């Protein structure tokens, strides 16, 4: 899926693999968000950005995302009672969710 929000395009890749695993990847592209340097700020060395043209600052910022995994993959749950399951070891399933790079907050 591709979502365009103002000057960015967010690309979400969700892959459901044959072994039951889920692979998620997100990419970001777009145009720089720029502004003039702030009053009192050194126009050659802004506090929170990089100069991309004379007097034009490209702000340093971050994008944070969260994802909600709805693990009701077998049936449509209509009520909270529907979500309560009886433990049956013959049907034991698990989902292992991890960072493929093994890094924390790179």
PDB file of N, CA and C in Angstrom:
ATOM      1  N   UNK A   1       0.842  -1.179   0.000  1.00  0.00           N
ATOM      2  CA  UNK A   1       0.000   0.000   0.000  1.00  0.00           C
ATOM      3  C   UNK A   1       0.882   1.236   0.000  1.00  0.00           C
ATOM      4  N   UNK A   2       0.437   2.260  -0.694  1.00  0.00           N
ATOM      5  CA  UNK A   2       1.149   3.533  -0.724  1.00  0.00           C
ATOM      6  C   UNK A   2       0.198   4.609  -0.223  1.00  0.00           C
ATOM      7  N   UNK A   3       0.660   5.410   0.751  1.00  0.00           N
ATOM      8  CA  UNK A   3      -0.139   6.497   1.305  1.00  0.00           C
ATOM      9  C   UNK A   3       0.628   7.797   1.115  1.00  0.00           C
ATOM     10  N   UNK A   4      -0.014   8.778   0.503  1.00  0.00           N
ATOM     11  CA  UNK A   4       0.606  10.082   0.322  1.00  0.00           C
ATOM     12  C   UNK A   4       0.049  11.025   1.378  1.00  0.00           C
ATOM     13  N   UNK A   5       0.944  11.603   2.173  1.00  0.00           N
ATOM     14  CA  UNK A   5       0.566  12.549   3.216  1.00  0.00           C
ATOM     15  C   UNK A   5       1.446  13.782   3.048  1.00  0.00           C
ATOM     16  N   UNK A   6       0.852  14.867   2.623  1.00  0.00           N
ATOM     17  CA  UNK A   6       1.522  16.141   2.365  1.00  0.00           C
ATOM     18  C   UNK A   6       2.704  15.904   1.421  1.00  0.00           C
ATOM     19  N   UNK A   7       3.936  16.005   1.902  1.00  0.00           N
ATOM     20  CA  UNK A   7       5.102  15.891   1.027  1.00  0.00           C
ATOM     21  C   UNK A   7       5.781  14.524   1.103  1.00  0.00           C
ATOM     22  N   UNK A   8       5.146  13.543   1.741  1.00  0.00           N
ATOM     23  CA  UNK A   8       5.747  12.217   1.896  1.00  0.00           C
ATOM     24  C   UNK A   8       4.888  11.144   1.268  1.00  0.00           C
ATOM     25  N   UNK A   9       5.532  10.088   0.870  1.00  0.00           N
ATOM     26  CA  UNK A   9       4.832   8.876   0.482  1.00  0.00           C
ATOM     27  C   UNK A   9       5.345   7.754   1.367  1.00  0.00           C
ATOM     28  N   UNK A  10       4.420   7.102   2.041  1.00  0.00           N
ATOM     29  CA  UNK A  10       4.744   5.993   2.924  1.00  0.00           C
ATOM     30  C   UNK A  10       4.374   4.713   2.198  1.00  0.00           C
ATOM     31  N   UNK A  11       5.303   3.782   2.125  1.00  0.00           N
ATOM     32  CA  UNK A  11       5.074   2.520   1.429  1.00  0.00           C
ATOM     33  C   UNK A  11       5.109   1.393   2.444  1.00  0.00           C
ATOM     34  N   UNK A  12       4.017   0.670   2.548  1.00  0.00           N
ATOM     35  CA  UNK A  12       3.887  -0.427   3.497  1.00  0.00           C
ATOM     36  C   UNK A  12       3.857  -1.740   2.728  1.00  0.00           C
ATOM     37  N   UNK A  13       4.734  -2.645   3.084  1.00  0.00           N
ATOM     38  CA  UNK A  13       4.791  -3.966   2.462  1.00  0.00           C
ATOM     39  C   UNK A  13       4.519  -5.007   3.546  1.00  0.00           C
ATOM     40  N   UNK A  14       3.412  -5.689   3.423  1.00  0.00           N
ATOM     41  CA  UNK A  14       3.062  -6.753   4.358  1.00  0.00           C
ATOM     42  C   UNK A  14       2.997  -8.045   3.555  1.00  0.00           C
ATOM     43  N   UNK A  15       3.801  -9.013   3.946  1.00  0.00           N
ATOM     44  CA  UNK A  15       3.854 -10.290   3.224  1.00  0.00           C
ATOM     45  C   UNK A  15       3.451 -11.420   4.163  1.00  0.00           C
ATOM     46  N   UNK A  16       2.444 -12.173   3.755  1.00  0.00           N
ATOM     47  CA  UNK A  16       2.017 -13.353   4.488  1.00  0.00           C
ATOM     48  C   UNK A  16       2.658 -14.546   3.802  1.00  0.00           C
ATOM     49  N   UNK A  17       3.602 -15.175   4.479  1.00  0.00           N
ATOM     50  CA  UNK A  17       4.389 -16.238   3.859  1.00  0.00           C
ATOM     51  C   UNK A  17       3.736 -17.606   4.046  1.00  0.00           C
ATOM     52  N   UNK A  18       4.130 -18.527   3.208  1.00  0.00           N
ATOM     53  CA  UNK A  18       3.552 -19.862   3.212  1.00  0.00           C
ATOM     54  C   UNK A  18       3.804 -20.621   4.512  1.00  0.00           C
ATOM     55  N   UNK A  19       4.875 -20.276   5.237  1.00  0.00           N
ATOM     56  CA  UNK A  19       5.162 -20.968   6.494  1.00  0.00           C
ATOM     57  C   UNK A  19       4.386 -20.371   7.673  1.00  0.00           C
ATOM     58  N   UNK A  20       3.511 -19.392   7.402  1.00  0.00           N
ATOM     59  CA  UNK A  20       2.711 -18.777   8.454  1.00  0.00           C
ATOM     60  C   UNK A  20       3.322 -17.520   9.038  1.00  0.00           C
ATOM     61  N   UNK A  21       4.533 -17.185   8.625  1.00  0.00           N
ATOM     62  CA  UNK A  21       5.166 -15.978   9.160  1.00  0.00           C
ATOM     63  C   UNK A  21       4.670 -14.745   8.407  1.00  0.00           C
ATOM     64  N   UNK A  22       4.830 -13.612   9.051  1.00  0.00           N
ATOM     65  CA  UNK A  22       4.433 -12.333   8.473  1.00  0.00           C
ATOM     66  C   UNK A  22       5.684 -11.471   8.367  1.00  0.00           C
ATOM     67  N   UNK A  23       5.892 -10.884   7.216  1.00  0.00           N
ATOM     68  CA  UNK A  23       7.026  -9.994   7.000  1.00  0.00           C
ATOM     69  C   UNK A  23       6.470  -8.597   6.770  1.00  0.00           C
ATOM     70  N   UNK A  24       6.982  -7.613   7.482  1.00  0.00           N
ATOM     71  CA  UNK A  24       6.521  -6.239   7.348  1.00  0.00           C
ATOM     72  C   UNK A  24       7.704  -5.333   7.064  1.00  0.00           C
ATOM     73  N   UNK A  25       7.547  -4.494   6.082  1.00  0.00           N
ATOM     74  CA  UNK A  25       8.597  -3.537   5.730  1.00  0.00           C
ATOM     75  C   UNK A  25       7.917  -2.209   5.412  1.00  0.00           C
ATOM     76  N   UNK A  26       8.524  -1.120   5.840  1.00  0.00           N
ATOM     77  CA  UNK A  26       7.975   0.187   5.559  1.00  0.00           C
ATOM     78  C   UNK A  26       9.060   1.079   4.983  1.00  0.00           C
ATOM     79  N   UNK A  27       8.715   1.811   3.949  1.00  0.00           N
ATOM     80  CA  UNK A  27       9.666   2.719   3.322  1.00  0.00           C
ATOM     81  C   UNK A  27       9.040   4.111   3.255  1.00  0.00           C
ATOM     82  N   UNK A  28       9.880   5.098   3.119  1.00  0.00           N
ATOM     83  CA  UNK A  28       9.438   6.484   3.102  1.00  0.00           C
ATOM     84  C   UNK A  28      10.180   7.213   1.989  1.00  0.00           C
ATOM     85  N   UNK A  29       9.449   7.989   1.241  1.00  0.00           N
ATOM     86  CA  UNK A  29      10.060   8.804   0.211  1.00  0.00           C
ATOM     87  C   UNK A  29       9.300  10.124   0.150  1.00  0.00           C
ATOM     88  N   UNK A  30       9.831  11.075  -0.517  1.00  0.00           N
ATOM     89  CA  UNK A  30       9.127  12.353  -0.628  1.00  0.00           C
ATOM     90  C   UNK A  30      10.092  13.507  -0.808  1.00  0.00           C
ATOM     91  N   UNK A  31       9.556  14.691  -0.663  1.00  0.00           N
ATOM     92  CA  UNK A  31      10.335  15.905  -0.828  1.00  0.00           C
ATOM     93  C   UNK A  31      10.733  16.460   0.537  1.00  0.00           C
ATOM     94  N   UNK A  32      11.834  17.158   0.571  1.00  0.00           N
ATOM     95  CA  UNK A  32      12.280  17.774   1.820  1.00  0.00           C
ATOM     96  C   UNK A  32      11.270  18.800   2.303  1.00  0.00           C
ATOM     97  N   UNK A  33      11.084  18.839   3.583  1.00  0.00           N
ATOM     98  CA  UNK A  33      10.267  19.877   4.203  1.00  0.00           C
ATOM     99  C   UNK A  33      11.231  20.979   4.626  1.00  0.00           C
ATOM    100  N   UNK A  34      11.074  22.153   4.048  1.00  0.00           N
ATOM    101  CA  UNK A  34      12.046  23.230   4.286  1.00  0.00           C
ATOM    102  C   UNK A  34      11.381  24.462   4.898  1.00  0.00           C
ATOM    103  N   UNK A  35      12.199  25.297   5.490  1.00  0.00           N
ATOM    104  CA  UNK A  35      11.752  26.581   6.026  1.00  0.00           C
ATOM    105  C   UNK A  35      12.946  27.521   6.080  1.00  0.00           C
ATOM    106  N   UNK A  36      12.675  28.765   6.412  1.00  0.00           N
ATOM    107  CA  UNK A  36      13.771  29.707   6.616  1.00  0.00           C
ATOM    108  C   UNK A  36      14.353  29.454   7.995  1.00  0.00           C
ATOM    109  N   UNK A  37      15.600  29.805   8.158  1.00  0.00           N
ATOM    110  CA  UNK A  37      16.198  29.663   9.480  1.00  0.00           C
ATOM    111  C   UNK A  37      15.466  30.593  10.458  1.00  0.00           C
ATOM    112  N   UNK A  38      15.410  30.194  11.709  1.00  0.00           N
ATOM    113  CA  UNK A  38      14.679  30.953  12.726  1.00  0.00           C
ATOM    114  C   UNK A  38      15.392  32.254  13.071  1.00  0.00           C
ATOM    115  N   UNK A  39      14.624  33.215  13.561  1.00  0.00           N
ATOM    116  CA  UNK A  39      15.183  34.498  13.989  1.00  0.00           C
ATOM    117  C   UNK A  39      16.175  34.246  15.118  1.00  0.00           C
ATOM    118  N   UNK A  40      17.346  34.799  15.021  1.00  0.00           N
ATOM    119  CA  UNK A  40      18.362  34.641  16.045  1.00  0.00           C
ATOM    120  C   UNK A  40      19.231  33.408  15.853  1.00  0.00           C
ATOM    121  N   UNK A  41      18.900  32.595  14.874  1.00  0.00           N
ATOM    122  CA  UNK A  41      19.665  31.372  14.610  1.00  0.00           C
ATOM    123  C   UNK A  41      20.743  31.674  13.572  1.00  0.00           C
ATOM    124  N   UNK A  42      21.891  31.055  13.704  1.00  0.00           N
ATOM    125  CA  UNK A  42      22.964  31.226  12.723  1.00  0.00           C
ATOM    126  C   UNK A  42      22.465  30.684  11.383  1.00  0.00           C
ATOM    127  N   UNK A  43      22.328  31.518  10.351  1.00  0.00           N
ATOM    128  CA  UNK A  43      21.789  31.069   9.066  1.00  0.00           C
ATOM    129  C   UNK A  43      22.679  30.061   8.344  1.00  0.00           C
ATOM    130  N   UNK A  44      23.918  29.931   8.793  1.00  0.00           N
ATOM    131  CA  UNK A  44      24.821  28.954   8.175  1.00  0.00           C
ATOM    132  C   UNK A  44      24.895  27.633   8.934  1.00  0.00           C
ATOM    133  N   UNK A  45      24.458  27.642  10.206  1.00  0.00           N
ATOM    134  CA  UNK A  45      24.464  26.431  11.030  1.00  0.00           C
ATOM    135  C   UNK A  45      23.216  26.386  11.895  1.00  0.00           C
ATOM    136  N   UNK A  46      22.084  25.985  11.318  1.00  0.00           N
ATOM    137  CA  UNK A  46      20.850  25.947  12.102  1.00  0.00           C
ATOM    138  C   UNK A  46      20.920  24.899  13.211  1.00  0.00           C
ATOM    139  N   UNK A  47      20.162  25.142  14.256  1.00  0.00           N
ATOM    140  CA  UNK A  47      20.153  24.248  15.408  1.00  0.00           C
ATOM    141  C   UNK A  47      19.530  22.898  15.081  1.00  0.00           C
ATOM    142  N   UNK A  48      18.450  22.897  14.303  1.00  0.00           N
ATOM    143  CA  UNK A  48      17.708  21.670  14.029  1.00  0.00           C
ATOM    144  C   UNK A  48      17.512  21.468  12.534  1.00  0.00           C
ATOM    145  N   UNK A  49      18.593  21.341  11.790  1.00  0.00           N
ATOM    146  CA  UNK A  49      18.448  21.117  10.362  1.00  0.00           C
ATOM    147  C   UNK A  49      19.751  21.235   9.622  1.00  0.00           C
ATOM    148  N   UNK A  50      19.609  21.195   8.309  1.00  0.00           N
ATOM    149  CA  UNK A  50      20.754  21.325   7.409  1.00  0.00           C
ATOM    150  C   UNK A  50      20.433  22.380   6.370  1.00  0.00           C
ATOM    151  N   UNK A  51      21.414  23.199   6.039  1.00  0.00           N
ATOM    152  CA  UNK A  51      21.228  24.209   5.001  1.00  0.00           C
ATOM    153  C   UNK A  51      21.279  23.514   3.645  1.00  0.00           C
ATOM    154  N   UNK A  52      20.207  23.683   2.848  1.00  0.00           N
ATOM    155  CA  UNK A  52      20.155  23.064   1.517  1.00  0.00           C
ATOM    156  C   UNK A  52      20.266  24.103   0.407  1.00  0.00           C
ATOM    157  N   UNK A  53      20.142  25.371   0.770  1.00  0.00           N
ATOM    158  CA  UNK A  53      20.339  26.513  -0.134  1.00  0.00           C
ATOM    159  C   UNK A  53      20.527  27.719   0.786  1.00  0.00           C
ATOM    160  N   UNK A  54      21.060  28.811   0.294  1.00  0.00           N
ATOM    161  CA  UNK A  54      21.270  29.973   1.163  1.00  0.00           C
ATOM    162  C   UNK A  54      19.985  30.387   1.901  1.00  0.00           C
ATOM    163  N   UNK A  55      20.030  30.334   3.238  1.00  0.00           N
ATOM    164  CA  UNK A  55      18.892  30.720   4.058  1.00  0.00           C
ATOM    165  C   UNK A  55      17.759  29.707   4.121  1.00  0.00           C
ATOM    166  N   UNK A  56      17.942  28.544   3.503  1.00  0.00           N
ATOM    167  CA  UNK A  56      16.881  27.523   3.478  1.00  0.00           C
ATOM    168  C   UNK A  56      17.313  26.328   4.327  1.00  0.00           C
ATOM    169  N   UNK A  57      16.512  26.056   5.349  1.00  0.00           N
ATOM    170  CA  UNK A  57      16.801  24.995   6.305  1.00  0.00           C
ATOM    171  C   UNK A  57      15.907  23.786   6.019  1.00  0.00           C
ATOM    172  N   UNK A  58      16.492  22.615   6.021  1.00  0.00           N
ATOM    173  CA  UNK A  58      15.727  21.364   5.938  1.00  0.00           C
ATOM    174  C   UNK A  58      15.749  20.760   7.335  1.00  0.00           C
ATOM    175  N   UNK A  59      14.564  20.752   7.995  1.00  0.00           N
ATOM    176  CA  UNK A  59      14.494  20.356   9.397  1.00  0.00           C
ATOM    177  C   UNK A  59      14.864  18.892   9.599  1.00  0.00           C
ATOM    178  N   UNK A  60      15.587  18.639  10.682  1.00  0.00           N
ATOM    179  CA  UNK A  60      15.835  17.272  11.121  1.00  0.00           C
ATOM    180  C   UNK A  60      14.650  16.888  11.998  1.00  0.00           C
ATOM    181  N   UNK A  61      14.008  15.801  11.650  1.00  0.00           N
ATOM    182  CA  UNK A  61      12.846  15.347  12.406  1.00  0.00           C
ATOM    183  C   UNK A  61      12.720  13.840  12.242  1.00  0.00           C
ATOM    184  N   UNK A  62      11.783  13.264  12.949  1.00  0.00           N
ATOM    185  CA  UNK A  62      11.609  11.823  12.857  1.00  0.00           C
ATOM    186  C   UNK A  62      10.147  11.474  12.659  1.00  0.00           C
ATOM    187  N   UNK A  63       9.936  10.312  12.114  1.00  0.00           N
ATOM    188  CA  UNK A  63       8.595   9.790  11.890  1.00  0.00           C
ATOM    189  C   UNK A  63       8.453   8.547  12.750  1.00  0.00           C
ATOM    190  N   UNK A  64       7.398   8.501  13.537  1.00  0.00           N
ATOM    191  CA  UNK A  64       7.180   7.352  14.411  1.00  0.00           C
ATOM    192  C   UNK A  64       5.878   6.664  14.018  1.00  0.00           C
ATOM    193  N   UNK A  65       5.918   5.361  14.033  1.00  0.00           N
ATOM    194  CA  UNK A  65       4.757   4.576  13.638  1.00  0.00           C
ATOM    195  C   UNK A  65       4.515   3.479  14.658  1.00  0.00           C
ATOM    196  N   UNK A  66       3.304   3.046  14.724  1.00  0.00           N
ATOM    197  CA  UNK A  66       2.981   1.878  15.524  1.00  0.00           C
ATOM    198  C   UNK A  66       2.042   1.014  14.693  1.00  0.00           C
ATOM    199  N   UNK A  67       2.047  -0.245  14.993  1.00  0.00           N
ATOM    200  CA  UNK A  67       1.198  -1.178  14.245  1.00  0.00           C
ATOM    201  C   UNK A  67       0.395  -1.998  15.234  1.00  0.00           C
ATOM    202  N   UNK A  68      -0.814  -2.275  14.870  1.00  0.00           N
ATOM    203  CA  UNK A  68      -1.668  -3.122  15.695  1.00  0.00           C
ATOM    204  C   UNK A  68      -1.890  -4.414  14.926  1.00  0.00           C
ATOM    205  N   UNK A  69      -1.548  -5.504  15.536  1.00  0.00           N
ATOM    206  CA  UNK A  69      -1.746  -6.813  14.919  1.00  0.00           C
ATOM    207  C   UNK A  69      -3.026  -7.419  15.477  1.00  0.00           C
ATOM    208  N   UNK A  70      -3.980  -7.633  14.631  1.00  0.00           N
ATOM    209  CA  UNK A  70      -5.226  -8.276  15.034  1.00  0.00           C
ATOM    210  C   UNK A  70      -5.056  -9.758  14.761  1.00  0.00           C
ATOM    211  N   UNK A  71      -4.850 -10.524  15.802  1.00  0.00           N
ATOM    212  CA  UNK A  71      -4.510 -11.934  15.627  1.00  0.00           C
ATOM    213  C   UNK A  71      -5.740 -12.833  15.457  1.00  0.00           C
ATOM    214  N   UNK A  72      -6.888 -12.263  15.158  1.00  0.00           N
ATOM    215  CA  UNK A  72      -8.085 -13.063  14.876  1.00  0.00           C
ATOM    216  C   UNK A  72      -8.031 -13.492  13.411  1.00  0.00           C
ATOM    217  N   UNK A  73      -7.095 -14.349  13.087  1.00  0.00           N
ATOM    218  CA  UNK A  73      -6.874 -14.723  11.694  1.00  0.00           C
ATOM    219  C   UNK A  73      -7.759 -15.878  11.227  1.00  0.00           C
ATOM    220  N   UNK A  74      -8.417 -16.572  12.139  1.00  0.00           N
ATOM    221  CA  UNK A  74      -9.216 -17.723  11.736  1.00  0.00           C
ATOM    222  C   UNK A  74     -10.693 -17.404  11.560  1.00  0.00           C
ATOM    223  N   UNK A  75     -11.204 -16.491  12.363  1.00  0.00           N
ATOM    224  CA  UNK A  75     -12.624 -16.166  12.293  1.00  0.00           C
ATOM    225  C   UNK A  75     -12.826 -14.687  12.531  1.00  0.00           C
ATOM    226  N   UNK A  76     -13.982 -14.213  12.150  1.00  0.00           N
ATOM    227  CA  UNK A  76     -14.354 -12.837  12.434  1.00  0.00           C
ATOM    228  C   UNK A  76     -14.917 -12.781  13.844  1.00  0.00           C
ATOM    229  N   UNK A  77     -14.334 -11.967  14.684  1.00  0.00           N
ATOM    230  CA  UNK A  77     -14.787 -11.849  16.062  1.00  0.00           C
ATOM    231  C   UNK A  77     -15.754 -10.681  16.166  1.00  0.00           C
ATOM    232  N   UNK A  78     -16.955 -10.967  16.645  1.00  0.00           N
ATOM    233  CA  UNK A  78     -17.970  -9.923  16.746  1.00  0.00           C
ATOM    234  C   UNK A  78     -18.111  -9.375  18.162  1.00  0.00           C
ATOM    235  N   UNK A  79     -17.773 -10.187  19.149  1.00  0.00           N
ATOM    236  CA  UNK A  79     -17.880  -9.753  20.541  1.00  0.00           C
ATOM    237  C   UNK A  79     -16.618 -10.156  21.285  1.00  0.00           C
ATOM    238  N   UNK A  80     -16.444  -9.584  22.462  1.00  0.00           N
ATOM    239  CA  UNK A  80     -15.295  -9.957  23.287  1.00  0.00           C
ATOM    240  C   UNK A  80     -15.366 -11.431  23.669  1.00  0.00           C
ATOM    241  N   UNK A  81     -16.569 -11.935  23.887  1.00  0.00           N
ATOM    242  CA  UNK A  81     -16.751 -13.353  24.245  1.00  0.00           C
ATOM    243  C   UNK A  81     -16.230 -14.271  23.127  1.00  0.00           C
ATOM    244  N   UNK A  82     -16.382 -13.831  21.881  1.00  0.00           N
ATOM    245  CA  UNK A  82     -15.886 -14.638  20.753  1.00  0.00           C
ATOM    246  C   UNK A  82     -14.370 -14.794  20.788  1.00  0.00           C
ATOM    247  N   UNK A  83     -13.671 -13.841  21.430  1.00  0.00           N
ATOM    248  CA  UNK A  83     -12.212 -13.861  21.458  1.00  0.00           C
ATOM    249  C   UNK A  83     -11.660 -14.833  22.501  1.00  0.00           C
ATOM    250  N   UNK A  84     -12.491 -15.279  23.442  1.00  0.00           N
ATOM    251  CA  UNK A  84     -12.027 -16.198  24.475  1.00  0.00           C
ATOM    252  C   UNK A  84     -11.944 -17.597  23.879  1.00  0.00           C
ATOM    253  N   UNK A  85     -10.786 -18.225  24.013  1.00  0.00           N
ATOM    254  CA  UNK A  85     -10.579 -19.542  23.412  1.00  0.00           C
ATOM    255  C   UNK A  85     -10.368 -20.592  24.482  1.00  0.00           C
ATOM    256  N   UNK A  86     -10.748 -21.786  24.148  1.00  0.00           N
ATOM    257  CA  UNK A  86     -10.482 -22.928  25.005  1.00  0.00           C
ATOM    258  C   UNK A  86      -9.125 -23.482  24.596  1.00  0.00           C
ATOM    259  N   UNK A  87      -8.272 -23.703  25.578  1.00  0.00           N
ATOM    260  CA  UNK A  87      -6.932 -24.219  25.288  1.00  0.00           C
ATOM    261  C   UNK A  87      -7.016 -25.631  24.724  1.00  0.00           C
ATOM    262  N   UNK A  88      -6.411 -25.849  23.561  1.00  0.00           N
ATOM    263  CA  UNK A  88      -6.399 -27.161  22.916  1.00  0.00           C
ATOM    264  C   UNK A  88      -4.998 -27.360  22.341  1.00  0.00           C
ATOM    265  N   UNK A  89      -4.166 -28.158  23.015  1.00  0.00           N
ATOM    266  CA  UNK A  89      -2.775 -28.325  22.595  1.00  0.00           C
ATOM    267  C   UNK A  89      -2.640 -28.922  21.203  1.00  0.00           C
ATOM    268  N   UNK A  90      -3.639 -29.660  20.749  1.00  0.00           N
ATOM    269  CA  UNK A  90      -3.550 -30.238  19.406  1.00  0.00           C
ATOM    270  C   UNK A  90      -3.663 -29.161  18.335  1.00  0.00           C
ATOM    271  N   UNK A  91      -4.108 -27.976  18.725  1.00  0.00           N
ATOM    272  CA  UNK A  91      -4.235 -26.862  17.778  1.00  0.00           C
ATOM    273  C   UNK A  91      -3.343 -25.694  18.175  1.00  0.00           C
ATOM    274  N   UNK A  92      -2.296 -25.979  18.916  1.00  0.00           N
ATOM    275  CA  UNK A  92      -1.424 -24.907  19.403  1.00  0.00           C
ATOM    276  C   UNK A  92      -0.792 -24.157  18.239  1.00  0.00           C
ATOM    277  N   UNK A  93      -0.843 -22.853  18.330  1.00  0.00           N
ATOM    278  CA  UNK A  93      -0.246 -21.997  17.317  1.00  0.00           C
ATOM    279  C   UNK A  93       0.492 -20.869  18.030  1.00  0.00           C
ATOM    280  N   UNK A  94       1.481 -20.332  17.369  1.00  0.00           N
ATOM    281  CA  UNK A  94       2.140 -19.155  17.929  1.00  0.00           C
ATOM    282  C   UNK A  94       2.625 -18.278  16.796  1.00  0.00           C
ATOM    283  N   UNK A  95       2.772 -17.020  17.087  1.00  0.00           N
ATOM    284  CA  UNK A  95       3.327 -16.056  16.141  1.00  0.00           C
ATOM    285  C   UNK A  95       4.558 -15.469  16.806  1.00  0.00           C
ATOM    286  N   UNK A  96       5.655 -15.506  16.107  1.00  0.00           N
ATOM    287  CA  UNK A  96       6.882 -14.909  16.623  1.00  0.00           C
ATOM    288  C   UNK A  96       7.113 -13.610  15.860  1.00  0.00           C
ATOM    289  N   UNK A  97       7.135 -12.511  16.572  1.00  0.00           N
ATOM    290  CA  UNK A  97       7.304 -11.191  15.946  1.00  0.00           C
ATOM    291  C   UNK A  97       8.653 -10.649  16.397  1.00  0.00           C
ATOM    292  N   UNK A  98       9.507 -10.308  15.437  1.00  0.00           N
ATOM    293  CA  UNK A  98      10.845  -9.838  15.782  1.00  0.00           C
ATOM    294  C   UNK A  98      11.354  -8.890  14.717  1.00  0.00           C
ATOM    295  N   UNK A  99      12.394  -8.185  15.053  1.00  0.00           N
ATOM    296  CA  UNK A  99      13.070  -7.277  14.131  1.00  0.00           C
ATOM    297  C   UNK A  99      14.085  -8.113  13.345  1.00  0.00           C
ATOM    298  N   UNK A 100      13.905  -8.212  12.041  1.00  0.00           N
ATOM    299  CA  UNK A 100      14.763  -9.058  11.199  1.00  0.00           C
ATOM    300  C   UNK A 100      16.234  -8.648  11.266  1.00  0.00           C
ATOM    301  N   UNK A 101      16.510  -7.369  11.498  1.00  0.00           N
ATOM    302  CA  UNK A 101      17.897  -6.916  11.594  1.00  0.00           C
ATOM    303  C   UNK A 101      18.490  -7.180  12.976  1.00  0.00           C
ATOM    304  N   UNK A 102      17.644  -7.506  13.928  1.00  0.00           N
ATOM    305  CA  UNK A 102      18.129  -7.773  15.291  1.00  0.00           C
ATOM    306  C   UNK A 102      18.524  -6.517  16.042  1.00  0.00           C
ATOM    307  N   UNK A 103      18.173  -5.352  15.507  1.00  0.00           N
ATOM    308  CA  UNK A 103      18.569  -4.092  16.144  1.00  0.00           C
ATOM    309  C   UNK A 103      17.398  -3.508  16.916  1.00  0.00           C
ATOM    310  N   UNK A 104      17.699  -2.812  17.985  1.00  0.00           N
ATOM    311  CA  UNK A 104      16.689  -2.094  18.737  1.00  0.00           C
ATOM    312  C   UNK A 104      16.864  -0.594  18.492  1.00  0.00           C
ATOM    313  N   UNK A 105      15.830   0.054  18.014  1.00  0.00           N
ATOM    314  CA  UNK A 105      15.838   1.498  17.790  1.00  0.00           C
ATOM    315  C   UNK A 105      17.121   1.987  17.108  1.00  0.00           C
ATOM    316  N   UNK A 106      17.362   1.500  15.886  1.00  0.00           N
ATOM    317  CA  UNK A 106      18.613   1.913  15.216  1.00  0.00           C
ATOM    318  C   UNK A 106      18.656   3.403  14.944  1.00  0.00           C
TER     319      UNK A 106
END
